[in-house]
Amino acid sequence: MAKKKTIPYDEAMTEIEGILARFRSEEMNVDELAAQVRRASELIALCKERLHKAETEVGQILGAE
């Protein structure tokens, strides 16, 4: 099974912002709406996971001092 390619946090946020901008400006047609919402959901989950991991690591670092 192929490993999923992970993208950096900032790239994920940029992609989310692009999806939102297209949605808000009504550039997104109904045929791609579901796929774009699915992609945005995946990216949001990835960002949340990265933020939680960073928060945990910072907490451990600060707790170790």
PDB file of N, CA and C in Angstrom:
ATOM      1  N   MET A   1       0.842  -1.175   0.000  1.00  0.00           N
ATOM      2  CA  MET A   1       0.000   0.000   0.000  1.00  0.00           C
ATOM      3  C   MET A   1       0.890   1.242   0.000  1.00  0.00           C
ATOM      4  N   ALA A   2       0.552   2.217  -0.828  1.00  0.00           N
ATOM      5  CA  ALA A   2       1.339   3.439  -0.931  1.00  0.00           C
ATOM      6  C   ALA A   2       1.103   4.333   0.283  1.00  0.00           C
ATOM      7  N   LYS A   3       2.180   4.941   0.733  1.00  0.00           N
ATOM      8  CA  LYS A   3       2.084   5.852   1.869  1.00  0.00           C
ATOM      9  C   LYS A   3       1.518   7.187   1.386  1.00  0.00           C
ATOM     10  N   LYS A   4       0.598   7.755   2.176  1.00  0.00           N
ATOM     11  CA  LYS A   4       0.023   9.054   1.835  1.00  0.00           C
ATOM     12  C   LYS A   4       1.102  10.122   1.915  1.00  0.00           C
ATOM     13  N   LYS A   5       1.127  11.004   0.926  1.00  0.00           N
ATOM     14  CA  LYS A   5       2.067  12.115   0.948  1.00  0.00           C
ATOM     15  C   LYS A   5       1.504  13.186   1.878  1.00  0.00           C
ATOM     16  N   THR A   6       2.317  13.581   2.834  1.00  0.00           N
ATOM     17  CA  THR A   6       1.872  14.639   3.728  1.00  0.00           C
ATOM     18  C   THR A   6       2.413  15.970   3.223  1.00  0.00           C
ATOM     19  N   ILE A   7       1.639  16.991   3.391  1.00  0.00           N
ATOM     20  CA  ILE A   7       2.058  18.313   2.960  1.00  0.00           C
ATOM     21  C   ILE A   7       2.298  19.176   4.181  1.00  0.00           C
ATOM     22  N   PRO A   8       3.160  20.164   4.056  1.00  0.00           N
ATOM     23  CA  PRO A   8       3.417  21.050   5.198  1.00  0.00           C
ATOM     24  C   PRO A   8       2.156  21.806   5.612  1.00  0.00           C
ATOM     25  N   TYR A   9       2.135  22.209   6.878  1.00  0.00           N
ATOM     26  CA  TYR A   9       0.993  22.927   7.447  1.00  0.00           C
ATOM     27  C   TYR A   9       0.640  24.160   6.624  1.00  0.00           C
ATOM     28  N   ASP A  10       1.655  24.952   6.271  1.00  0.00           N
ATOM     29  CA  ASP A  10       1.373  26.194   5.549  1.00  0.00           C
ATOM     30  C   ASP A  10       0.778  25.939   4.166  1.00  0.00           C
ATOM     31  N   GLU A  11       1.200  24.863   3.512  1.00  0.00           N
ATOM     32  CA  GLU A  11       0.610  24.517   2.212  1.00  0.00           C
ATOM     33  C   GLU A  11      -0.842  24.067   2.376  1.00  0.00           C
ATOM     34  N   ALA A  12      -1.116  23.320   3.440  1.00  0.00           N
ATOM     35  CA  ALA A  12      -2.481  22.876   3.701  1.00  0.00           C
ATOM     36  C   ALA A  12      -3.387  24.078   3.949  1.00  0.00           C
ATOM     37  N   MET A  13      -2.905  25.030   4.740  1.00  0.00           N
ATOM     38  CA  MET A  13      -3.697  26.229   5.021  1.00  0.00           C
ATOM     39  C   MET A  13      -3.941  27.042   3.751  1.00  0.00           C
ATOM     40  N   THR A  14      -2.928  27.156   2.917  1.00  0.00           N
ATOM     41  CA  THR A  14      -3.070  27.884   1.653  1.00  0.00           C
ATOM     42  C   THR A  14      -4.114  27.220   0.769  1.00  0.00           C
ATOM     43  N   GLU A  15      -4.095  25.890   0.725  1.00  0.00           N
ATOM     44  CA  GLU A  15      -5.075  25.169  -0.085  1.00  0.00           C
ATOM     45  C   GLU A  15      -6.489  25.340   0.471  1.00  0.00           C
ATOM     46  N   ILE A  16      -6.629  25.288   1.786  1.00  0.00           N
ATOM     47  CA  ILE A  16      -7.941  25.509   2.417  1.00  0.00           C
ATOM     48  C   ILE A  16      -8.456  26.905   2.074  1.00  0.00           C
ATOM     49  N   GLU A  17      -7.583  27.889   2.210  1.00  0.00           N
ATOM     50  CA  GLU A  17      -7.970  29.267   1.899  1.00  0.00           C
ATOM     51  C   GLU A  17      -8.391  29.415   0.436  1.00  0.00           C
ATOM     52  N   GLY A  18      -7.703  28.716  -0.457  1.00  0.00           N
ATOM     53  CA  GLY A  18      -8.067  28.749  -1.873  1.00  0.00           C
ATOM     54  C   GLY A  18      -9.437  28.143  -2.125  1.00  0.00           C
ATOM     55  N   ILE A  19      -9.711  27.025  -1.471  1.00  0.00           N
ATOM     56  CA  ILE A  19     -11.018  26.375  -1.609  1.00  0.00           C
ATOM     57  C   ILE A  19     -12.115  27.308  -1.102  1.00  0.00           C
ATOM     58  N   LEU A  20     -11.872  27.917   0.063  1.00  0.00           N
ATOM     59  CA  LEU A  20     -12.858  28.848   0.616  1.00  0.00           C
ATOM     60  C   LEU A  20     -13.079  30.053  -0.292  1.00  0.00           C
ATOM     61  N   ALA A  21     -12.016  30.580  -0.848  1.00  0.00           N
ATOM     62  CA  ALA A  21     -12.133  31.740  -1.736  1.00  0.00           C
ATOM     63  C   ALA A  21     -12.951  31.391  -2.975  1.00  0.00           C
ATOM     64  N   ARG A  22     -12.705  30.216  -3.542  1.00  0.00           N
ATOM     65  CA  ARG A  22     -13.467  29.786  -4.721  1.00  0.00           C
ATOM     66  C   ARG A  22     -14.931  29.574  -4.370  1.00  0.00           C
ATOM     67  N   PHE A  23     -15.184  29.023  -3.195  1.00  0.00           N
ATOM     68  CA  PHE A  23     -16.555  28.803  -2.758  1.00  0.00           C
ATOM     69  C   PHE A  23     -17.283  30.137  -2.554  1.00  0.00           C
ATOM     70  N   ARG A  24     -16.605  31.053  -1.860  1.00  0.00           N
ATOM     71  CA  ARG A  24     -17.215  32.357  -1.574  1.00  0.00           C
ATOM     72  C   ARG A  24     -17.469  33.178  -2.830  1.00  0.00           C
ATOM     73  N   SER A  25     -16.590  33.057  -3.807  1.00  0.00           N
ATOM     74  CA  SER A  25     -16.751  33.841  -5.032  1.00  0.00           C
ATOM     75  C   SER A  25     -17.638  33.123  -6.054  1.00  0.00           C
ATOM     76  N   GLU A  26     -18.183  31.990  -5.633  1.00  0.00           N
ATOM     77  CA  GLU A  26     -19.084  31.189  -6.471  1.00  0.00           C
ATOM     78  C   GLU A  26     -18.420  30.693  -7.748  1.00  0.00           C
ATOM     79  N   GLU A  27     -17.092  30.488  -7.718  1.00  0.00           N
ATOM     80  CA  GLU A  27     -16.369  29.925  -8.849  1.00  0.00           C
ATOM     81  C   GLU A  27     -16.472  28.404  -8.879  1.00  0.00           C
ATOM     82  N   MET A  28     -16.883  27.809  -7.784  1.00  0.00           N
ATOM     83  CA  MET A  28     -16.954  26.364  -7.677  1.00  0.00           C
ATOM     84  C   MET A  28     -18.304  25.881  -8.194  1.00  0.00           C
ATOM     85  N   ASN A  29     -18.255  24.967  -9.150  1.00  0.00           N
ATOM     86  CA  ASN A  29     -19.529  24.455  -9.654  1.00  0.00           C
ATOM     87  C   ASN A  29     -20.012  23.296  -8.789  1.00  0.00           C
ATOM     88  N   VAL A  30     -21.255  22.989  -8.943  1.00  0.00           N
ATOM     89  CA  VAL A  30     -21.896  21.981  -8.088  1.00  0.00           C
ATOM     90  C   VAL A  30     -21.259  20.599  -8.265  1.00  0.00           C
ATOM     91  N   ASP A  31     -20.697  20.334  -9.438  1.00  0.00           N
ATOM     92  CA  ASP A  31     -20.081  19.029  -9.690  1.00  0.00           C
ATOM     93  C   ASP A  31     -18.810  18.812  -8.879  1.00  0.00           C
ATOM     94  N   GLU A  32     -18.098  19.868  -8.558  1.00  0.00           N
ATOM     95  CA  GLU A  32     -16.872  19.722  -7.788  1.00  0.00           C
ATOM     96  C   GLU A  32     -17.042  20.061  -6.310  1.00  0.00           C
ATOM     97  N   LEU A  33     -18.200  20.523  -5.926  1.00  0.00           N
ATOM     98  CA  LEU A  33     -18.440  20.957  -4.551  1.00  0.00           C
ATOM     99  C   LEU A  33     -18.144  19.852  -3.534  1.00  0.00           C
ATOM    100  N   ALA A  34     -18.695  18.679  -3.718  1.00  0.00           N
ATOM    101  CA  ALA A  34     -18.506  17.597  -2.745  1.00  0.00           C
ATOM    102  C   ALA A  34     -17.035  17.210  -2.628  1.00  0.00           C
ATOM    103  N   ALA A  35     -16.352  17.126  -3.755  1.00  0.00           N
ATOM    104  CA  ALA A  35     -14.934  16.756  -3.726  1.00  0.00           C
ATOM    105  C   ALA A  35     -14.115  17.819  -3.009  1.00  0.00           C
ATOM    106  N   GLN A  36     -14.429  19.078  -3.230  1.00  0.00           N
ATOM    107  CA  GLN A  36     -13.689  20.158  -2.586  1.00  0.00           C
ATOM    108  C   GLN A  36     -13.979  20.231  -1.088  1.00  0.00           C
ATOM    109  N   VAL A  37     -15.209  19.974  -0.703  1.00  0.00           N
ATOM    110  CA  VAL A  37     -15.549  19.940   0.722  1.00  0.00           C
ATOM    111  C   VAL A  37     -14.824  18.775   1.389  1.00  0.00           C
ATOM    112  N   ARG A  38     -14.761  17.630   0.720  1.00  0.00           N
ATOM    113  CA  ARG A  38     -14.044  16.468   1.256  1.00  0.00           C
ATOM    114  C   ARG A  38     -12.555  16.806   1.433  1.00  0.00           C
ATOM    115  N   ARG A  39     -11.965  17.433   0.417  1.00  0.00           N
ATOM    116  CA  ARG A  39     -10.547  17.794   0.478  1.00  0.00           C
ATOM    117  C   ARG A  39     -10.301  18.794   1.621  1.00  0.00           C
ATOM    118  N   ALA A  40     -11.154  19.787   1.732  1.00  0.00           N
ATOM    119  CA  ALA A  40     -11.003  20.775   2.803  1.00  0.00           C
ATOM    120  C   ALA A  40     -11.102  20.097   4.168  1.00  0.00           C
ATOM    121  N   SER A  41     -12.007  19.148   4.316  1.00  0.00           N
ATOM    122  CA  SER A  41     -12.161  18.420   5.584  1.00  0.00           C
ATOM    123  C   SER A  41     -10.891  17.643   5.915  1.00  0.00           C
ATOM    124  N   GLU A  42     -10.301  17.008   4.917  1.00  0.00           N
ATOM    125  CA  GLU A  42      -9.054  16.262   5.123  1.00  0.00           C
ATOM    126  C   GLU A  42      -7.935  17.210   5.548  1.00  0.00           C
ATOM    127  N   LEU A  43      -7.849  18.355   4.879  1.00  0.00           N
ATOM    128  CA  LEU A  43      -6.802  19.324   5.203  1.00  0.00           C
ATOM    129  C   LEU A  43      -6.990  19.915   6.595  1.00  0.00           C
ATOM    130  N   ILE A  44      -8.220  20.188   6.968  1.00  0.00           N
ATOM    131  CA  ILE A  44      -8.506  20.718   8.305  1.00  0.00           C
ATOM    132  C   ILE A  44      -8.103  19.699   9.369  1.00  0.00           C
ATOM    133  N   ALA A  45      -8.417  18.432   9.140  1.00  0.00           N
ATOM    134  CA  ALA A  45      -8.036  17.381  10.086  1.00  0.00           C
ATOM    135  C   ALA A  45      -6.516  17.293  10.203  1.00  0.00           C
ATOM    136  N   LEU A  46      -5.820  17.396   9.080  1.00  0.00           N
ATOM    137  CA  LEU A  46      -4.368  17.368   9.086  1.00  0.00           C
ATOM    138  C   LEU A  46      -3.811  18.545   9.892  1.00  0.00           C
ATOM    139  N   CYS A  47      -4.357  19.733   9.679  1.00  0.00           N
ATOM    140  CA  CYS A  47      -3.905  20.923  10.409  1.00  0.00           C
ATOM    141  C   CYS A  47      -4.168  20.788  11.907  1.00  0.00           C
ATOM    142  N   LYS A  48      -5.341  20.298  12.268  1.00  0.00           N
ATOM    143  CA  LYS A  48      -5.660  20.104  13.690  1.00  0.00           C
ATOM    144  C   LYS A  48      -4.683  19.130  14.336  1.00  0.00           C
ATOM    145  N   GLU A  49      -4.379  18.053  13.632  1.00  0.00           N
ATOM    146  CA  GLU A  49      -3.446  17.049  14.140  1.00  0.00           C
ATOM    147  C   GLU A  49      -2.060  17.664  14.357  1.00  0.00           C
ATOM    148  N   ARG A  50      -1.596  18.434  13.375  1.00  0.00           N
ATOM    149  CA  ARG A  50      -0.284  19.068  13.492  1.00  0.00           C
ATOM    150  C   ARG A  50      -0.253  20.074  14.644  1.00  0.00           C
ATOM    151  N   LEU A  51      -1.319  20.861  14.794  1.00  0.00           N
ATOM    152  CA  LEU A  51      -1.380  21.835  15.887  1.00  0.00           C
ATOM    153  C   LEU A  51      -1.371  21.138  17.240  1.00  0.00           C
ATOM    154  N   HIS A  52      -2.137  20.053  17.349  1.00  0.00           N
ATOM    155  CA  HIS A  52      -2.178  19.302  18.607  1.00  0.00           C
ATOM    156  C   HIS A  52      -0.800  18.725  18.928  1.00  0.00           C
ATOM    157  N   LYS A  53      -0.140  18.189  17.916  1.00  0.00           N
ATOM    158  CA  LYS A  53       1.197  17.616  18.116  1.00  0.00           C
ATOM    159  C   LYS A  53       2.175  18.701  18.561  1.00  0.00           C
ATOM    160  N   ALA A  54       2.127  19.853  17.910  1.00  0.00           N
ATOM    161  CA  ALA A  54       3.021  20.953  18.279  1.00  0.00           C
ATOM    162  C   ALA A  54       2.738  21.429  19.702  1.00  0.00           C
ATOM    163  N   GLU A  55       1.460  21.535  20.050  1.00  0.00           N
ATOM    164  CA  GLU A  55       1.073  21.962  21.389  1.00  0.00           C
ATOM    165  C   GLU A  55       1.604  20.989  22.446  1.00  0.00           C
ATOM    166  N   THR A  56       1.484  19.699  22.165  1.00  0.00           N
ATOM    167  CA  THR A  56       1.970  18.675  23.083  1.00  0.00           C
ATOM    168  C   THR A  56       3.487  18.764  23.245  1.00  0.00           C
ATOM    169  N   GLU A  57       4.191  18.913  22.117  1.00  0.00           N
ATOM    170  CA  GLU A  57       5.651  18.994  22.179  1.00  0.00           C
ATOM    171  C   GLU A  57       6.121  20.236  22.935  1.00  0.00           C
ATOM    172  N   VAL A  58       5.472  21.371  22.687  1.00  0.00           N
ATOM    173  CA  VAL A  58       5.840  22.605  23.389  1.00  0.00           C
ATOM    174  C   VAL A  58       5.557  22.445  24.881  1.00  0.00           C
ATOM    175  N   GLY A  59       4.438  21.843  25.211  1.00  0.00           N
ATOM    176  CA  GLY A  59       4.108  21.599  26.621  1.00  0.00           C
ATOM    177  C   GLY A  59       5.147  20.723  27.300  1.00  0.00           C
ATOM    178  N   GLN A  60       5.616  19.699  26.584  1.00  0.00           N
ATOM    179  CA  GLN A  60       6.640  18.817  27.143  1.00  0.00           C
ATOM    180  C   GLN A  60       7.958  19.561  27.335  1.00  0.00           C
ATOM    181  N   ILE A  61       8.302  20.397  26.352  1.00  0.00           N
ATOM    182  CA  ILE A  61       9.548  21.167  26.447  1.00  0.00           C
ATOM    183  C   ILE A  61       9.491  22.129  27.622  1.00  0.00           C
ATOM    184  N   LEU A  62       8.387  22.858  27.727  1.00  0.00           N
ATOM    185  CA  LEU A  62       8.258  23.825  28.811  1.00  0.00           C
ATOM    186  C   LEU A  62       8.138  23.141  30.166  1.00  0.00           C
ATOM    187  N   GLY A  63       7.535  21.969  30.186  1.00  0.00           N
ATOM    188  CA  GLY A  63       7.409  21.227  31.435  1.00  0.00           C
ATOM    189  C   GLY A  63       8.732  20.623  31.894  1.00  0.00           C
ATOM    190  N   ALA A  64       9.653  20.438  30.969  1.00  0.00           N
ATOM    191  CA  ALA A  64      10.928  19.838  31.295  1.00  0.00           C
ATOM    192  C   ALA A  64      11.897  20.844  31.900  1.00  0.00           C
ATOM    193  N   GLU A  65      11.583  22.116  31.780  1.00  0.00           N
ATOM    194  CA  GLU A  65      12.501  23.149  32.301  1.00  0.00           C
ATOM    195  C   GLU A  65      12.288  23.388  33.766  1.00  0.00           C
TER     196      GLU A  65
END
